[in-house]
PDB file of N, CA and C in Angstrom:
ATOM      1  N   MET A   1     -19.835  49.670 -22.673  1.00  0.00           N
ATOM      2  CA  MET A   1     -20.016  49.338 -21.284  1.00  0.00           C
ATOM      3  C   MET A   1     -21.242  48.433 -21.164  1.00  0.00           C
ATOM      4  N   SER A   2     -21.108  47.355 -20.415  1.00  0.00           N
ATOM      5  CA  SER A   2     -22.232  46.432 -20.251  1.00  0.00           C
ATOM      6  C   SER A   2     -22.807  46.536 -18.841  1.00  0.00           C
ATOM      7  N   ALA A   3     -24.090  46.320 -18.758  1.00  0.00           N
ATOM      8  CA  ALA A   3     -24.769  46.359 -17.458  1.00  0.00           C
ATOM      9  C   ALA A   3     -24.863  44.946 -16.900  1.00  0.00           C
ATOM     10  N   THR A   4     -24.757  44.841 -15.602  1.00  0.00           N
ATOM     11  CA  THR A   4     -24.904  43.552 -14.943  1.00  0.00           C
ATOM     12  C   THR A   4     -26.330  43.431 -14.442  1.00  0.00           C
ATOM     13  N   ARG A   5     -26.935  42.310 -14.739  1.00  0.00           N
ATOM     14  CA  ARG A   5     -28.311  42.070 -14.311  1.00  0.00           C
ATOM     15  C   ARG A   5     -28.339  40.891 -13.355  1.00  0.00           C
ATOM     16  N   THR A   6     -28.980  41.076 -12.228  1.00  0.00           N
ATOM     17  CA  THR A   6     -29.084  40.007 -11.239  1.00  0.00           C
ATOM     18  C   THR A   6     -30.437  39.333 -11.368  1.00  0.00           C
ATOM     19  N   GLU A   7     -30.414  38.036 -11.558  1.00  0.00           N
ATOM     20  CA  GLU A   7     -31.636  37.245 -11.666  1.00  0.00           C
ATOM     21  C   GLU A   7     -31.929  36.621 -10.315  1.00  0.00           C
ATOM     22  N   PRO A   8     -33.184  36.677  -9.845  1.00  0.00           N
ATOM     23  CA  PRO A   8     -33.494  35.966  -8.605  1.00  0.00           C
ATOM     24  C   PRO A   8     -33.369  34.469  -8.824  1.00  0.00           C
ATOM     25  N   ARG A   9     -32.873  33.753  -7.830  1.00  0.00           N
ATOM     26  CA  ARG A   9     -32.744  32.307  -7.982  1.00  0.00           C
ATOM     27  C   ARG A   9     -33.596  31.620  -6.936  1.00  0.00           C
ATOM     28  N   PRO A  10     -34.202  30.517  -7.299  1.00  0.00           N
ATOM     29  CA  PRO A  10     -35.018  29.799  -6.320  1.00  0.00           C
ATOM     30  C   PRO A  10     -34.147  29.179  -5.243  1.00  0.00           C
ATOM     31  N   GLU A  11     -34.745  28.912  -4.082  1.00  0.00           N
ATOM     32  CA  GLU A  11     -34.007  28.253  -3.012  1.00  0.00           C
ATOM     33  C   GLU A  11     -33.568  26.882  -3.488  1.00  0.00           C
ATOM     34  N   THR A  12     -32.427  26.464  -2.975  1.00  0.00           N
ATOM     35  CA  THR A  12     -31.899  25.168  -3.375  1.00  0.00           C
ATOM     36  C   THR A  12     -32.306  24.084  -2.394  1.00  0.00           C
ATOM     37  N   ARG A  13     -32.139  22.857  -2.800  1.00  0.00           N
ATOM     38  CA  ARG A  13     -32.375  21.679  -1.985  1.00  0.00           C
ATOM     39  C   ARG A  13     -33.800  21.566  -1.461  1.00  0.00           C
ATOM     40  N   THR A  14     -34.763  21.908  -2.294  1.00  0.00           N
ATOM     41  CA  THR A  14     -36.142  21.705  -1.883  1.00  0.00           C
ATOM     42  C   THR A  14     -36.619  20.347  -2.368  1.00  0.00           C
ATOM     43  N   GLN A  15     -37.606  19.807  -1.711  1.00  0.00           N
ATOM     44  CA  GLN A  15     -38.189  18.545  -2.127  1.00  0.00           C
ATOM     45  C   GLN A  15     -39.539  18.823  -2.758  1.00  0.00           C
ATOM     46  N   PRO A  16     -39.895  18.069  -3.796  1.00  0.00           N
ATOM     47  CA  PRO A  16     -41.198  18.273  -4.407  1.00  0.00           C
ATOM     48  C   PRO A  16     -42.315  18.017  -3.412  1.00  0.00           C
ATOM     49  N   GLN A  17     -43.360  18.793  -3.533  1.00  0.00           N
ATOM     50  CA  GLN A  17     -44.492  18.665  -2.636  1.00  0.00           C
ATOM     51  C   GLN A  17     -45.655  18.012  -3.359  1.00  0.00           C
ATOM     52  N   ALA A  18     -46.394  17.201  -2.637  1.00  0.00           N
ATOM     53  CA  ALA A  18     -47.589  16.596  -3.211  1.00  0.00           C
ATOM     54  C   ALA A  18     -48.648  17.670  -3.355  1.00  0.00           C
ATOM     55  N   GLY A  19     -49.304  17.698  -4.482  1.00  0.00           N
ATOM     56  CA  GLY A  19     -50.454  18.568  -4.649  1.00  0.00           C
ATOM     57  C   GLY A  19     -50.169  19.983  -5.095  1.00  0.00           C
ATOM     58  N   GLY A  20     -49.024  20.298  -5.656  1.00  0.00           N
ATOM     59  CA  GLY A  20     -48.861  21.647  -6.187  1.00  0.00           C
ATOM     60  C   GLY A  20     -47.458  22.173  -6.075  1.00  0.00           C
ATOM     61  N   GLY A  21     -47.244  23.326  -6.716  1.00  0.00           N
ATOM     62  CA  GLY A  21     -45.919  23.898  -6.749  1.00  0.00           C
ATOM     63  C   GLY A  21     -45.849  25.336  -6.291  1.00  0.00           C
ATOM     64  N   ASP A  22     -46.803  25.785  -5.477  1.00  0.00           N
ATOM     65  CA  ASP A  22     -46.800  27.173  -5.015  1.00  0.00           C
ATOM     66  C   ASP A  22     -45.987  27.388  -3.754  1.00  0.00           C
ATOM     67  N   HIS A  23     -45.301  26.374  -3.253  1.00  0.00           N
ATOM     68  CA  HIS A  23     -44.589  26.480  -1.985  1.00  0.00           C
ATOM     69  C   HIS A  23     -43.495  27.546  -2.009  1.00  0.00           C
ATOM     70  N   GLU A  24     -42.944  27.851  -3.172  1.00  0.00           N
ATOM     71  CA  GLU A  24     -41.877  28.847  -3.266  1.00  0.00           C
ATOM     72  C   GLU A  24     -42.410  30.273  -3.151  1.00  0.00           C
ATOM     73  N   ARG A  25     -43.703  30.451  -3.247  1.00  0.00           N
ATOM     74  CA  ARG A  25     -44.301  31.788  -3.196  1.00  0.00           C
ATOM     75  C   ARG A  25     -44.643  32.234  -1.784  1.00  0.00           C
ATOM     76  N   PHE A  26     -44.404  31.373  -0.799  1.00  0.00           N
ATOM     77  CA  PHE A  26     -44.839  31.653   0.560  1.00  0.00           C
ATOM     78  C   PHE A  26     -43.703  31.591   1.567  1.00  0.00           C
ATOM     79  N   ALA A  27     -43.936  32.275   2.704  1.00  0.00           N
ATOM     80  CA  ALA A  27     -43.104  32.102   3.890  1.00  0.00           C
ATOM     81  C   ALA A  27     -43.759  30.982   4.683  1.00  0.00           C
ATOM     82  N   HIS A  28     -42.972  30.070   5.214  1.00  0.00           N
ATOM     83  CA  HIS A  28     -43.514  28.904   5.896  1.00  0.00           C
ATOM     84  C   HIS A  28     -43.250  28.962   7.396  1.00  0.00           C
ATOM     85  N   ILE A  29     -44.108  28.293   8.148  1.00  0.00           N
ATOM     86  CA  ILE A  29     -43.941  28.167   9.591  1.00  0.00           C
ATOM     87  C   ILE A  29     -43.211  26.850   9.820  1.00  0.00           C
ATOM     88  N   ILE A  30     -42.035  26.934  10.472  1.00  0.00           N
ATOM     89  CA  ILE A  30     -41.243  25.714  10.592  1.00  0.00           C
ATOM     90  C   ILE A  30     -41.654  24.870  11.785  1.00  0.00           C
ATOM     91  N   ARG A  31     -41.402  23.589  11.629  1.00  0.00           N
ATOM     92  CA  ARG A  31     -41.664  22.588  12.656  1.00  0.00           C
ATOM     93  C   ARG A  31     -40.467  22.619  13.609  1.00  0.00           C
ATOM     94  N   THR A  32     -40.700  22.867  14.903  1.00  0.00           N
ATOM     95  CA  THR A  32     -39.598  22.952  15.869  1.00  0.00           C
ATOM     96  C   THR A  32     -39.957  22.214  17.150  1.00  0.00           C
ATOM     97  N   PRO A  33     -39.974  20.886  17.120  1.00  0.00           N
ATOM     98  CA  PRO A  33     -40.323  20.151  18.339  1.00  0.00           C
ATOM     99  C   PRO A  33     -39.301  20.402  19.449  1.00  0.00           C
ATOM    100  N   GLY A  34     -39.766  21.075  20.519  1.00  0.00           N
ATOM    101  CA  GLY A  34     -38.897  21.323  21.664  1.00  0.00           C
ATOM    102  C   GLY A  34     -37.794  22.333  21.442  1.00  0.00           C
ATOM    103  N   ARG A  35     -37.881  23.141  20.382  1.00  0.00           N
ATOM    104  CA  ARG A  35     -36.819  24.117  20.092  1.00  0.00           C
ATOM    105  C   ARG A  35     -37.413  25.485  19.830  1.00  0.00           C
ATOM    106  N   ASN A  36     -36.584  26.489  19.946  1.00  0.00           N
ATOM    107  CA  ASN A  36     -36.934  27.844  19.592  1.00  0.00           C
ATOM    108  C   ASN A  36     -36.821  27.972  18.075  1.00  0.00           C
ATOM    109  N   ALA A  37     -37.854  28.470  17.404  1.00  0.00           N
ATOM    110  CA  ALA A  37     -37.866  28.569  15.940  1.00  0.00           C
ATOM    111  C   ALA A  37     -36.729  29.442  15.414  1.00  0.00           C
ATOM    112  N   GLU A  38     -36.492  30.580  16.058  1.00  0.00           N
ATOM    113  CA  GLU A  38     -35.425  31.474  15.591  1.00  0.00           C
ATOM    114  C   GLU A  38     -34.061  30.810  15.699  1.00  0.00           C
ATOM    115  N   ALA A  39     -33.828  30.073  16.775  1.00  0.00           N
ATOM    116  CA  ALA A  39     -32.555  29.371  16.942  1.00  0.00           C
ATOM    117  C   ALA A  39     -32.391  28.297  15.870  1.00  0.00           C
ATOM    118  N   ALA A  40     -33.471  27.583  15.561  1.00  0.00           N
ATOM    119  CA  ALA A  40     -33.408  26.534  14.534  1.00  0.00           C
ATOM    120  C   ALA A  40     -33.106  27.126  13.163  1.00  0.00           C
ATOM    121  N   ILE A  41     -33.715  28.264  12.853  1.00  0.00           N
ATOM    122  CA  ILE A  41     -33.477  28.919  11.554  1.00  0.00           C
ATOM    123  C   ILE A  41     -32.046  29.436  11.479  1.00  0.00           C
ATOM    124  N   THR A  42     -31.581  30.065  12.541  1.00  0.00           N
ATOM    125  CA  THR A  42     -30.204  30.581  12.562  1.00  0.00           C
ATOM    126  C   THR A  42     -29.201  29.445  12.380  1.00  0.00           C
ATOM    127  N   GLU A  43     -29.415  28.363  13.092  1.00  0.00           N
ATOM    128  CA  GLU A  43     -28.513  27.211  12.972  1.00  0.00           C
ATOM    129  C   GLU A  43     -28.523  26.660  11.543  1.00  0.00           C
ATOM    130  N   ALA A  44     -29.693  26.559  10.942  1.00  0.00           N
ATOM    131  CA  ALA A  44     -29.793  26.048   9.569  1.00  0.00           C
ATOM    132  C   ALA A  44     -29.083  26.976   8.587  1.00  0.00           C
ATOM    133  N   ARG A  45     -29.214  28.277   8.782  1.00  0.00           N
ATOM    134  CA  ARG A  45     -28.529  29.235   7.888  1.00  0.00           C
ATOM    135  C   ARG A  45     -27.017  29.137   8.017  1.00  0.00           C
ATOM    136  N   VAL A  46     -26.525  29.041   9.246  1.00  0.00           N
ATOM    137  CA  VAL A  46     -25.081  28.988   9.481  1.00  0.00           C
ATOM    138  C   VAL A  46     -24.490  27.667   9.015  1.00  0.00           C
ATOM    139  N   MET A  47     -25.157  26.574   9.351  1.00  0.00           N
ATOM    140  CA  MET A  47     -24.635  25.242   9.053  1.00  0.00           C
ATOM    141  C   MET A  47     -25.059  24.724   7.678  1.00  0.00           C
ATOM    142  N   GLY A  48     -25.996  25.407   7.024  1.00  0.00           N
ATOM    143  CA  GLY A  48     -26.459  24.955   5.715  1.00  0.00           C
ATOM    144  C   GLY A  48     -27.423  23.791   5.795  1.00  0.00           C
ATOM    145  N   GLY A  49     -28.050  23.623   6.951  1.00  0.00           N
ATOM    146  CA  GLY A  49     -28.988  22.512   7.126  1.00  0.00           C
ATOM    147  C   GLY A  49     -30.401  22.873   6.715  1.00  0.00           C
ATOM    148  N   GLU A  50     -31.233  21.852   6.612  1.00  0.00           N
ATOM    149  CA  GLU A  50     -32.614  22.053   6.225  1.00  0.00           C
ATOM    150  C   GLU A  50     -33.507  22.250   7.442  1.00  0.00           C
ATOM    151  N   VAL A  51     -34.608  22.949   7.207  1.00  0.00           N
ATOM    152  CA  VAL A  51     -35.694  23.038   8.172  1.00  0.00           C
ATOM    153  C   VAL A  51     -36.925  22.462   7.490  1.00  0.00           C
ATOM    154  N   GLU A  52     -37.922  22.078   8.296  1.00  0.00           N
ATOM    155  CA  GLU A  52     -39.145  21.534   7.728  1.00  0.00           C
ATOM    156  C   GLU A  52     -40.326  22.371   8.171  1.00  0.00           C
ATOM    157  N   ALA A  53     -41.171  22.726   7.215  1.00  0.00           N
ATOM    158  CA  ALA A  53     -42.372  23.508   7.499  1.00  0.00           C
ATOM    159  C   ALA A  53     -43.488  22.596   7.975  1.00  0.00           C
ATOM    160  N   LEU A  54     -44.481  23.185   8.617  1.00  0.00           N
ATOM    161  CA  LEU A  54     -45.646  22.426   9.057  1.00  0.00           C
ATOM    162  C   LEU A  54     -46.323  21.713   7.890  1.00  0.00           C
ATOM    163  N   CYS A  55     -46.274  22.325   6.704  1.00  0.00           N
ATOM    164  CA  CYS A  55     -46.919  21.745   5.522  1.00  0.00           C
ATOM    165  C   CYS A  55     -46.092  20.634   4.882  1.00  0.00           C
ATOM    166  N   GLY A  56     -44.849  20.430   5.372  1.00  0.00           N
ATOM    167  CA  GLY A  56     -44.011  19.360   4.846  1.00  0.00           C
ATOM    168  C   GLY A  56     -42.875  19.816   3.949  1.00  0.00           C
ATOM    169  N   LYS A  57     -42.868  21.070   3.529  1.00  0.00           N
ATOM    170  CA  LYS A  57     -41.785  21.568   2.674  1.00  0.00           C
ATOM    171  C   LYS A  57     -40.480  21.554   3.468  1.00  0.00           C
ATOM    172  N   LYS A  58     -39.397  21.097   2.843  1.00  0.00           N
ATOM    173  CA  LYS A  58     -38.070  21.094   3.451  1.00  0.00           C
ATOM    174  C   LYS A  58     -37.161  21.974   2.588  1.00  0.00           C
ATOM    175  N   TRP A  59     -36.378  22.834   3.245  1.00  0.00           N
ATOM    176  CA  TRP A  59     -35.500  23.728   2.505  1.00  0.00           C
ATOM    177  C   TRP A  59     -34.428  24.300   3.418  1.00  0.00           C
ATOM    178  N   VAL A  60     -33.404  24.877   2.785  1.00  0.00           N
ATOM    179  CA  VAL A  60     -32.351  25.591   3.501  1.00  0.00           C
ATOM    180  C   VAL A  60     -32.751  27.060   3.487  1.00  0.00           C
ATOM    181  N   PRO A  61     -32.988  27.688   4.651  1.00  0.00           N
ATOM    182  CA  PRO A  61     -33.428  29.083   4.668  1.00  0.00           C
ATOM    183  C   PRO A  61     -32.379  30.010   4.074  1.00  0.00           C
ATOM    184  N   GLU A  62     -32.795  30.785   3.072  1.00  0.00           N
ATOM    185  CA  GLU A  62     -31.872  31.712   2.419  1.00  0.00           C
ATOM    186  C   GLU A  62     -32.493  33.073   2.135  1.00  0.00           C
ATOM    187  N   ARG A  63     -33.805  33.187   2.218  1.00  0.00           N
ATOM    188  CA  ARG A  63     -34.444  34.444   1.833  1.00  0.00           C
ATOM    189  C   ARG A  63     -35.185  35.050   3.024  1.00  0.00           C
ATOM    190  N   ASP A  64     -35.587  36.297   2.886  1.00  0.00           N
ATOM    191  CA  ASP A  64     -36.296  37.017   3.935  1.00  0.00           C
ATOM    192  C   ASP A  64     -37.776  36.653   3.889  1.00  0.00           C
ATOM    193  N   PRO A  65     -38.275  35.914   4.886  1.00  0.00           N
ATOM    194  CA  PRO A  65     -39.671  35.494   4.853  1.00  0.00           C
ATOM    195  C   PRO A  65     -40.657  36.651   4.989  1.00  0.00           C
ATOM    196  N   ALA A  66     -40.204  37.794   5.493  1.00  0.00           N
ATOM    197  CA  ALA A  66     -41.096  38.947   5.648  1.00  0.00           C
ATOM    198  C   ALA A  66     -41.580  39.486   4.303  1.00  0.00           C
ATOM    199  N   LYS A  67     -40.925  39.111   3.225  1.00  0.00           N
ATOM    200  CA  LYS A  67     -41.291  39.596   1.893  1.00  0.00           C
ATOM    201  C   LYS A  67     -42.367  38.747   1.227  1.00  0.00           C
ATOM    202  N   TYR A  68     -42.834  37.699   1.901  1.00  0.00           N
ATOM    203  CA  TYR A  68     -43.785  36.756   1.305  1.00  0.00           C
ATOM    204  C   TYR A  68     -44.980  36.553   2.233  1.00  0.00           C
ATOM    205  N   PRO A  69     -46.132  36.225   1.666  1.00  0.00           N
ATOM    206  CA  PRO A  69     -47.287  35.902   2.517  1.00  0.00           C
ATOM    207  C   PRO A  69     -47.077  34.540   3.183  1.00  0.00           C
ATOM    208  N   VAL A  70     -47.718  34.337   4.326  1.00  0.00           N
ATOM    209  CA  VAL A  70     -47.584  33.068   5.050  1.00  0.00           C
ATOM    210  C   VAL A  70     -48.332  31.973   4.289  1.00  0.00           C
ATOM    211  N   CYS A  71     -47.711  30.813   4.213  1.00  0.00           N
ATOM    212  CA  CYS A  71     -48.286  29.642   3.553  1.00  0.00           C
ATOM    213  C   CYS A  71     -49.653  29.327   4.169  1.00  0.00           C
ATOM    214  N   PRO A  72     -50.713  29.268   3.363  1.00  0.00           N
ATOM    215  CA  PRO A  72     -52.038  28.986   3.924  1.00  0.00           C
ATOM    216  C   PRO A  72     -52.127  27.606   4.576  1.00  0.00           C
ATOM    217  N   GLU A  73     -51.406  26.629   4.066  1.00  0.00           N
ATOM    218  CA  GLU A  73     -51.435  25.285   4.648  1.00  0.00           C
ATOM    219  C   GLU A  73     -50.757  25.288   6.020  1.00  0.00           C
ATOM    220  N   CYS A  74     -49.605  25.962   6.149  1.00  0.00           N
ATOM    221  CA  CYS A  74     -48.931  26.071   7.449  1.00  0.00           C
ATOM    222  C   CYS A  74     -49.831  26.790   8.453  1.00  0.00           C
ATOM    223  N   LYS A  75     -50.466  27.872   8.003  1.00  0.00           N
ATOM    224  CA  LYS A  75     -51.352  28.648   8.868  1.00  0.00           C
ATOM    225  C   LYS A  75     -52.527  27.791   9.338  1.00  0.00           C
ATOM    226  N   ARG A  76     -53.102  26.994   8.427  1.00  0.00           N
ATOM    227  CA  ARG A  76     -54.235  26.132   8.753  1.00  0.00           C
ATOM    228  C   ARG A  76     -53.813  25.090   9.808  1.00  0.00           C
ATOM    229  N   ILE A  77     -52.637  24.486   9.611  1.00  0.00           N
ATOM    230  CA  ILE A  77     -52.144  23.471  10.540  1.00  0.00           C
ATOM    231  C   ILE A  77     -51.855  24.095  11.915  1.00  0.00           C
ATOM    232  N   LYS A  78     -51.230  25.263  11.927  1.00  0.00           N
ATOM    233  CA  LYS A  78     -50.910  25.938  13.187  1.00  0.00           C
ATOM    234  C   LYS A  78     -52.179  26.251  13.970  1.00  0.00           C
ATOM    235  N   ASN A  79     -53.225  26.661  13.281  1.00  0.00           N
ATOM    236  CA  ASN A  79     -54.481  27.012  13.941  1.00  0.00           C
ATOM    237  C   ASN A  79     -55.347  25.808  14.261  1.00  0.00           C
ATOM    238  N   GLY A  80     -54.877  24.607  13.904  1.00  0.00           N
ATOM    239  CA  GLY A  80     -55.591  23.380  14.224  1.00  0.00           C
ATOM    240  C   GLY A  80     -56.882  23.175  13.457  1.00  0.00           C
ATOM    241  N   GLN A  81     -56.943  23.668  12.259  1.00  0.00           N
ATOM    242  CA  GLN A  81     -58.172  23.537  11.446  1.00  0.00           C
ATOM    243  C   GLN A  81     -58.093  22.390  10.498  1.00  0.00           C
TER     244      GLN A  81
END
């Protein structure tokens, strides 16, 4: 009898970021000009579209952001620092 092992997979369709590769370790605050953030995320999940974070990361939302710390760059931008 063999056991099945599930490997975590990184999010797909991300763009490389200038200045580092830690973007996958964080939950990001998305850019939503004139829109509700939750509605934008839901639409992206259903339609398979990308969202863009304040820090510039673009991705298709697939994971639970509550399991990750907030991106320090997104937090800095949101707080206007």
